Protein backbone atom coordinates (compact mmCIF):
# COMPACT_ATOMS: atom_id res chain seq x y z
CA MET A 1 1.33 44.76 -41.37
CA LYS A 2 5.21 44.19 -41.06
CA CYS A 3 5.39 45.39 -37.36
CA LYS A 4 2.25 43.25 -36.55
CA LEU A 5 3.86 40.19 -37.92
CA LEU A 6 6.94 40.65 -36.02
CA ALA A 7 5.29 41.18 -32.86
CA LEU A 8 3.15 37.87 -33.48
CA ALA A 9 6.21 35.96 -34.33
CA LEU A 10 7.78 37.54 -30.90
CA CYS A 11 4.92 36.38 -28.75
CA LEU A 12 4.68 33.14 -30.30
CA ALA A 13 8.56 32.76 -29.45
CA VAL A 14 8.32 33.77 -25.90
CA CYS A 15 5.19 31.61 -25.37
CA ALA A 16 7.09 28.69 -27.15
CA GLY A 17 10.10 29.40 -24.69
CA ALA A 18 7.62 29.16 -21.67
CA CYS A 19 6.09 26.17 -22.98
CA ALA A 20 9.30 24.38 -23.46
CA GLN A 21 10.28 25.25 -19.70
CA ALA A 22 6.99 24.17 -18.36
CA PRO A 23 7.61 21.38 -15.84
CA ILE A 24 6.47 17.77 -16.25
CA VAL A 25 3.73 17.36 -13.84
CA ILE A 26 3.13 13.91 -12.03
CA LYS A 27 -0.10 13.70 -9.86
CA PHE A 28 0.85 11.15 -6.92
CA SER A 29 -2.59 9.95 -5.39
CA HIS A 30 -2.72 7.82 -2.33
CA VAL A 31 -5.51 6.86 0.21
CA VAL A 32 -3.61 7.09 3.70
CA ALA A 33 -2.94 10.44 5.49
CA ALA A 34 0.03 12.51 4.87
CA ASN A 35 1.77 11.53 8.29
CA THR A 36 1.74 7.76 7.55
CA PRO A 37 5.08 6.08 6.27
CA LYS A 38 3.49 6.01 2.79
CA GLY A 39 2.38 9.60 3.21
CA GLN A 40 5.69 10.84 4.20
CA ALA A 41 7.61 8.82 1.75
CA ALA A 42 5.41 10.41 -1.00
CA GLN A 43 6.63 13.90 0.20
CA ARG A 44 10.43 12.79 0.20
CA PHE A 45 10.12 11.68 -3.02
CA LYS A 46 8.51 14.80 -4.25
CA GLU A 47 11.24 16.78 -2.71
CA LEU A 48 14.10 14.19 -4.13
CA ALA A 49 12.49 14.25 -7.61
CA GLU A 50 12.19 17.76 -7.78
CA LYS A 51 15.56 18.47 -6.73
CA ALA A 52 17.03 15.78 -8.77
CA THR A 53 15.65 17.08 -12.05
CA ASN A 54 16.39 20.91 -11.36
CA GLY A 55 12.61 21.62 -11.20
CA ARG A 56 12.08 19.84 -14.87
CA VAL A 57 9.48 17.67 -13.08
CA LYS A 58 6.92 18.80 -10.40
CA ILE A 59 5.12 15.94 -8.15
CA GLU A 60 1.70 16.71 -6.87
CA VAL A 61 0.95 14.75 -3.80
CA TYR A 62 -2.74 13.98 -3.13
CA ALA A 63 -3.25 12.27 0.09
CA ASN A 64 -6.28 10.63 2.21
CA SER A 65 -8.45 9.97 -1.11
CA GLN A 66 -8.61 13.34 -2.28
CA LEU A 67 -8.55 12.50 -5.48
CA TYR A 68 -9.53 8.78 -5.81
CA LYS A 69 -10.83 6.19 -3.38
CA ASP A 70 -8.95 2.94 -3.33
CA THR A 71 -11.74 1.28 -5.09
CA ASP A 72 -11.33 3.78 -8.09
CA GLU A 73 -7.50 4.94 -8.03
CA LEU A 74 -6.07 2.00 -10.26
CA GLU A 75 -8.68 2.58 -13.06
CA ALA A 76 -7.73 6.37 -12.87
CA LEU A 77 -4.08 5.43 -13.43
CA GLN A 78 -4.52 3.09 -16.44
CA LEU A 79 -6.60 5.97 -18.06
CA GLY A 80 -3.86 8.68 -17.39
CA ALA A 81 -6.25 10.70 -15.02
CA VAL A 82 -3.33 10.36 -12.51
CA GLN A 83 0.22 9.46 -12.85
CA MET A 84 1.59 7.54 -10.07
CA LEU A 85 -0.02 5.59 -7.12
CA ALA A 86 1.26 3.38 -4.15
CA PRO A 87 -1.82 0.99 -3.70
CA SER A 88 -1.39 -1.93 -1.59
CA LEU A 89 -0.71 -5.07 -3.10
CA ALA A 90 -3.96 -6.76 -2.62
CA LYS A 91 -5.44 -4.37 -5.22
CA PHE A 92 -3.87 -6.05 -8.36
CA GLY A 93 -5.88 -9.18 -7.92
CA PRO A 94 -8.96 -7.65 -9.43
CA LEU A 95 -6.68 -6.73 -12.41
CA GLY A 96 -6.06 -10.38 -13.10
CA LEU A 97 -2.75 -10.40 -11.59
CA LYS A 98 -3.36 -12.72 -8.56
CA ASP A 99 0.25 -13.68 -7.96
CA PHE A 100 0.29 -10.48 -6.09
CA GLU A 101 -2.17 -11.80 -3.49
CA ALA A 102 0.63 -14.03 -2.20
CA PHE A 103 1.73 -11.03 -0.18
CA ASP A 104 -1.68 -11.24 1.67
CA LEU A 105 -1.01 -14.84 2.88
CA PRO A 106 -1.02 -15.02 6.50
CA TYR A 107 2.27 -16.11 8.08
CA ILE A 108 3.88 -16.42 4.62
CA PHE A 109 6.69 -13.70 5.90
CA PRO A 110 8.29 -15.11 9.13
CA SER A 111 10.39 -11.72 9.52
CA LYS A 112 10.95 -8.30 7.70
CA THR A 113 14.43 -10.15 6.58
CA ALA A 114 12.39 -12.74 4.51
CA LEU A 115 9.97 -10.17 3.16
CA TYR A 116 12.74 -8.17 1.71
CA LYS A 117 14.53 -11.14 0.09
CA VAL A 118 11.16 -11.78 -1.71
CA ALA A 119 10.43 -7.98 -2.70
CA ASP A 120 13.98 -7.08 -3.73
CA GLY A 121 14.75 -10.51 -5.29
CA GLU A 122 13.73 -12.23 -8.32
CA ILE A 123 10.17 -13.10 -7.11
CA GLY A 124 9.46 -9.33 -6.46
CA ARG A 125 10.92 -8.35 -9.88
CA LYS A 126 8.93 -10.78 -11.92
CA LEU A 127 5.88 -9.79 -10.06
CA LEU A 128 6.35 -6.08 -11.08
CA ASN A 129 7.09 -6.91 -14.61
CA GLU A 130 3.50 -8.58 -14.84
CA LEU A 131 1.87 -5.18 -14.44
CA GLU A 132 3.47 -3.77 -17.85
CA SER A 133 0.64 -6.05 -19.67
CA LYS A 134 -1.90 -3.69 -17.70
CA GLY A 135 -0.33 -0.37 -18.83
CA ILE A 136 1.42 -0.16 -15.41
CA ILE A 137 5.28 0.09 -14.46
CA GLY A 138 6.10 -1.07 -11.15
CA LEU A 139 8.92 1.38 -9.61
CA ALA A 140 9.48 0.00 -6.18
CA TYR A 141 7.71 -1.86 -3.07
CA TRP A 142 6.94 0.22 0.06
CA ASP A 143 6.65 -1.27 3.29
CA ASN A 144 3.70 -0.63 6.41
CA GLY A 145 4.69 -3.83 8.14
CA PHE A 146 2.73 -6.48 9.95
CA LYS A 147 -0.87 -6.16 10.81
CA VAL A 148 -3.06 -6.10 14.09
CA MET A 149 -6.52 -7.20 14.66
CA SER A 150 -8.88 -4.94 16.28
CA ALA A 151 -12.62 -5.49 17.48
CA ASN A 152 -15.04 -4.16 20.39
CA LYS A 153 -14.40 -7.55 22.00
CA PRO A 154 -11.05 -9.47 22.94
CA LEU A 155 -9.66 -11.34 20.58
CA TYR A 156 -7.54 -14.06 22.16
CA THR A 157 -8.13 -17.10 20.38
CA PRO A 158 -9.54 -18.06 16.91
CA ALA A 159 -12.79 -19.08 18.26
CA ASP A 160 -13.11 -15.50 19.46
CA PHE A 161 -13.72 -14.15 15.94
CA LYS A 162 -17.02 -16.23 15.44
CA GLY A 163 -19.78 -14.30 13.96
CA LEU A 164 -17.80 -10.96 13.86
CA LYS A 165 -18.06 -8.53 10.73
CA MET A 166 -14.50 -7.83 10.04
CA ARG A 167 -13.45 -5.10 7.46
CA VAL A 168 -10.99 -6.13 4.68
CA GLN A 169 -9.85 -4.60 1.85
CA SER A 170 -10.83 -6.13 -1.62
CA SER A 171 -8.80 -9.31 -1.61
CA LYS A 172 -9.94 -12.95 -2.00
CA VAL A 173 -7.19 -13.96 0.28
CA LEU A 174 -8.28 -11.73 2.95
CA GLU A 175 -11.84 -12.93 2.63
CA VAL A 176 -10.77 -16.63 3.07
CA GLN A 177 -8.35 -15.79 6.07
CA MET A 178 -11.37 -14.16 7.90
CA ARG A 179 -13.31 -17.05 7.05
CA ALA A 180 -11.07 -19.37 8.54
CA LEU A 181 -11.17 -17.44 11.82
CA GLY A 182 -15.10 -17.82 11.66
CA ALA A 183 -15.56 -14.23 11.10
CA ILE A 184 -17.75 -12.71 8.13
CA PRO A 185 -15.52 -10.47 5.81
CA GLN A 186 -16.75 -7.13 4.83
CA VAL A 187 -15.01 -5.43 2.06
CA LEU A 188 -15.12 -1.78 2.19
CA PRO A 189 -12.58 1.34 0.98
CA PHE A 190 -10.05 2.32 3.59
CA SER A 191 -11.78 5.67 3.63
CA ALA A 192 -14.99 4.22 5.01
CA VAL A 193 -13.56 2.07 7.63
CA TYR A 194 -13.79 4.68 10.72
CA GLN A 195 -17.39 5.40 9.92
CA ALA A 196 -18.42 1.76 9.55
CA LEU A 197 -16.51 1.15 12.82
CA LEU A 198 -18.33 3.75 14.66
CA THR A 199 -21.89 2.80 13.55
CA GLY A 200 -21.35 -0.70 13.93
CA VAL A 201 -21.75 -1.60 10.36
CA VAL A 202 -18.55 -3.83 10.96
CA ASP A 203 -16.98 -5.16 14.44
CA GLY A 204 -13.63 -5.01 13.70
CA THR A 205 -10.44 -4.66 11.19
CA GLU A 206 -6.95 -5.39 10.51
CA ASN A 207 -4.41 -2.98 9.67
CA THR A 208 -0.96 -1.87 10.73
CA PRO A 209 -0.75 0.36 14.12
CA SER A 210 0.38 3.39 11.97
CA ASN A 211 -2.96 3.21 9.44
CA MET A 212 -5.25 2.62 12.61
CA TYR A 213 -3.78 5.66 14.61
CA THR A 214 -3.70 7.94 11.76
CA GLN A 215 -7.34 7.33 11.18
CA ASN A 216 -8.29 7.78 14.94
CA MET A 217 -9.50 4.26 15.05
CA GLN A 218 -8.47 3.91 18.78
CA GLU A 219 -11.65 5.82 19.16
CA VAL A 220 -14.05 3.23 17.89
CA GLN A 221 -12.24 -0.14 18.67
CA LYS A 222 -11.75 -1.31 22.39
CA TYR A 223 -9.41 -4.01 21.94
CA LEU A 224 -6.28 -4.68 19.80
CA THR A 225 -4.27 -7.98 19.52
CA LEU A 226 -0.46 -7.99 18.32
CA SER A 227 -1.30 -10.96 15.98
CA ASN A 228 1.39 -9.94 13.29
CA HIS A 229 -0.60 -12.37 11.22
CA GLY A 230 -0.15 -10.79 7.77
CA TYR A 231 1.76 -8.14 5.97
CA LEU A 232 0.81 -4.89 4.53
CA GLY A 233 2.85 -3.70 1.50
CA TYR A 234 2.52 -1.23 -1.51
CA ALA A 235 3.81 -1.14 -4.73
CA VAL A 236 4.70 2.28 -6.22
CA ILE A 237 3.47 2.51 -10.05
CA VAL A 238 3.18 4.89 -12.72
CA ASN A 239 1.35 5.12 -16.03
CA ARG A 240 3.21 3.10 -18.63
CA LYS A 241 2.44 5.35 -21.54
CA PHE A 242 3.40 8.38 -19.32
CA TRP A 243 6.47 6.90 -18.36
CA ASP A 244 7.58 5.53 -21.57
CA GLY A 245 7.15 9.14 -23.17
CA LEU A 246 9.60 10.85 -20.56
CA PRO A 247 13.12 11.78 -21.59
CA GLY A 248 15.64 9.24 -20.61
CA ASP A 249 17.49 11.56 -18.25
CA ILE A 250 14.40 12.32 -16.27
CA ARG A 251 13.30 8.63 -15.92
CA HIS A 252 16.73 7.83 -14.83
CA ALA A 253 16.71 10.97 -12.39
CA LEU A 254 13.08 9.80 -10.88
CA GLU A 255 14.38 6.09 -10.62
CA GLN A 256 17.29 7.39 -8.49
CA ALA A 257 14.85 9.34 -6.29
CA MET A 258 12.47 6.39 -5.89
CA LYS A 259 15.32 4.36 -4.52
CA GLU A 260 16.33 6.83 -1.93
CA ALA A 261 12.78 7.19 -1.06
CA THR A 262 12.24 3.53 -0.52
CA ARG A 263 15.20 3.42 1.62
CA PHE A 264 13.82 6.30 3.82
CA GLU A 265 10.02 4.79 3.63
CA ARG A 266 11.27 1.26 4.85
CA ALA A 267 13.18 2.77 7.98
CA LEU A 268 10.18 5.17 8.60
CA ALA A 269 7.81 2.38 8.55
CA GLN A 270 8.81 0.42 11.75
CA GLN A 271 9.37 3.46 13.72
CA ASP A 272 6.05 4.92 12.89
CA ASN A 273 4.37 1.60 13.85
CA ASP A 274 6.19 1.46 17.18
CA LEU A 275 5.43 5.16 17.83
CA ALA A 276 1.80 4.53 16.60
CA LEU A 277 1.16 1.62 19.11
CA GLU A 278 2.43 3.35 21.88
CA ALA A 279 0.20 6.47 21.15
CA ILE A 280 -2.63 3.83 21.05
CA ARG A 281 -1.82 2.48 24.43
CA LYS A 282 -1.32 5.78 25.88
CA SER A 283 -4.98 6.92 24.67
CA GLY A 284 -6.24 4.67 27.23
CA LYS A 285 -9.26 3.89 24.97
CA THR A 286 -7.89 0.73 23.29
CA ARG A 287 -6.46 -2.27 25.20
CA ILE A 288 -3.39 -4.02 23.72
CA TYR A 289 -3.03 -7.68 24.24
CA SER A 290 0.20 -9.80 23.25
CA LEU A 291 -0.44 -13.11 22.29
CA SER A 292 1.36 -16.03 24.44
CA ALA A 293 3.32 -18.79 22.57
CA PRO A 294 0.29 -21.03 22.92
CA GLU A 295 -1.94 -18.68 21.76
CA GLN A 296 0.19 -17.49 18.69
CA ALA A 297 0.46 -21.25 17.81
CA ALA A 298 -3.31 -21.54 17.79
CA TRP A 299 -3.67 -18.56 15.36
CA ARG A 300 -0.91 -20.28 12.94
CA ARG A 301 -2.73 -23.22 13.14
CA ALA A 302 -5.96 -21.58 12.19
CA LEU A 303 -4.68 -19.68 9.27
CA ILE A 304 -1.59 -21.35 7.67
CA PRO A 305 -3.94 -23.59 5.93
CA VAL A 306 -5.19 -20.50 3.80
CA GLN A 307 -2.19 -21.07 2.15
CA LYS A 308 -3.02 -24.49 0.80
CA GLN A 309 -6.72 -23.30 -0.04
CA MET A 310 -5.11 -20.36 -2.21
CA GLU A 311 -2.93 -22.68 -4.21
CA GLY A 312 -5.29 -22.94 -6.87
CA ARG A 313 -5.89 -19.11 -7.33
CA ILE A 314 -2.08 -17.95 -6.63
CA GLY A 315 -0.16 -20.99 -7.73
CA LYS A 316 1.32 -23.64 -5.47
CA GLU A 317 5.09 -23.09 -7.14
CA LEU A 318 4.98 -19.44 -6.14
CA ILE A 319 3.78 -19.96 -2.85
CA GLY A 320 6.41 -22.67 -2.29
CA ALA A 321 9.18 -20.32 -3.67
CA ILE A 322 8.20 -17.60 -1.26
CA ASN A 323 8.13 -19.98 1.64
CA GLN A 324 11.72 -21.33 0.55
CA ALA A 325 12.80 -17.66 0.05
CA GLY A 326 11.92 -16.86 3.32
CA ALA A 327 13.64 -19.85 4.91
CA ARG A 328 17.03 -19.20 3.80
């Protein structure tokens, strides 16, 4: 009996040691392809985090909506089914955090410099802090650049949008934007866009060149206009309860890994968009059009009023502060 108890104690000790050394698993889910800027940055974060924690943390990256579609992922994070996401900033509006929809406003960022002044400054930090009330910690802003418009007819002027069914992600701002152009907004998850374009459920869409190319949208869109009318960015977020439960040194290591991954992601985003645009051009299946100065001015006249229209939803002071920060 004594030998059996000693054997049992030894077994329990071994199991306890093994459990104590088991890595902390972080499931990092996102909805775009692994070879997009977001996908590559998620992989870079995995490598940096696992190295910085000496293997005490294991990051499992799930790309291309493998775990959750973009309509479901935030709920999954809040429930703790997944620990980390990088959703587009438009996704926070349905949670009641309408301030984030300011990033969707057309022509609110005249340049990347203006954008980073907002995202990396007091305004950006204040917005991330608002996530805590929803059980979420905001770690960083990731970039995907400025959006273009595509359709199966040329889009030279706002009048060319009249009656077109244009896909948008779930965002009241983007719905109003499309209506300002005379189009009919259609809210669809990102994973459904290619099939919707193929079958004619929608006529066109807006996105960054890298997202369009990695989803082969050049196969189902004949025309693309370099409008640069809006910005697409992401917030890297983590479940608050999970994050608060991590040892302090682990959190610090992950924060440092995230800073480095963010620098990597931002540099990659512009490069990937440039390469994707050239690949779309070389495919010969999509004609790319650059707006002339008068045409660009016409687009701005049609879309700038959206900022005024959304003051009641997003806040006049916030919109004014973003415009002022970007102008400095």
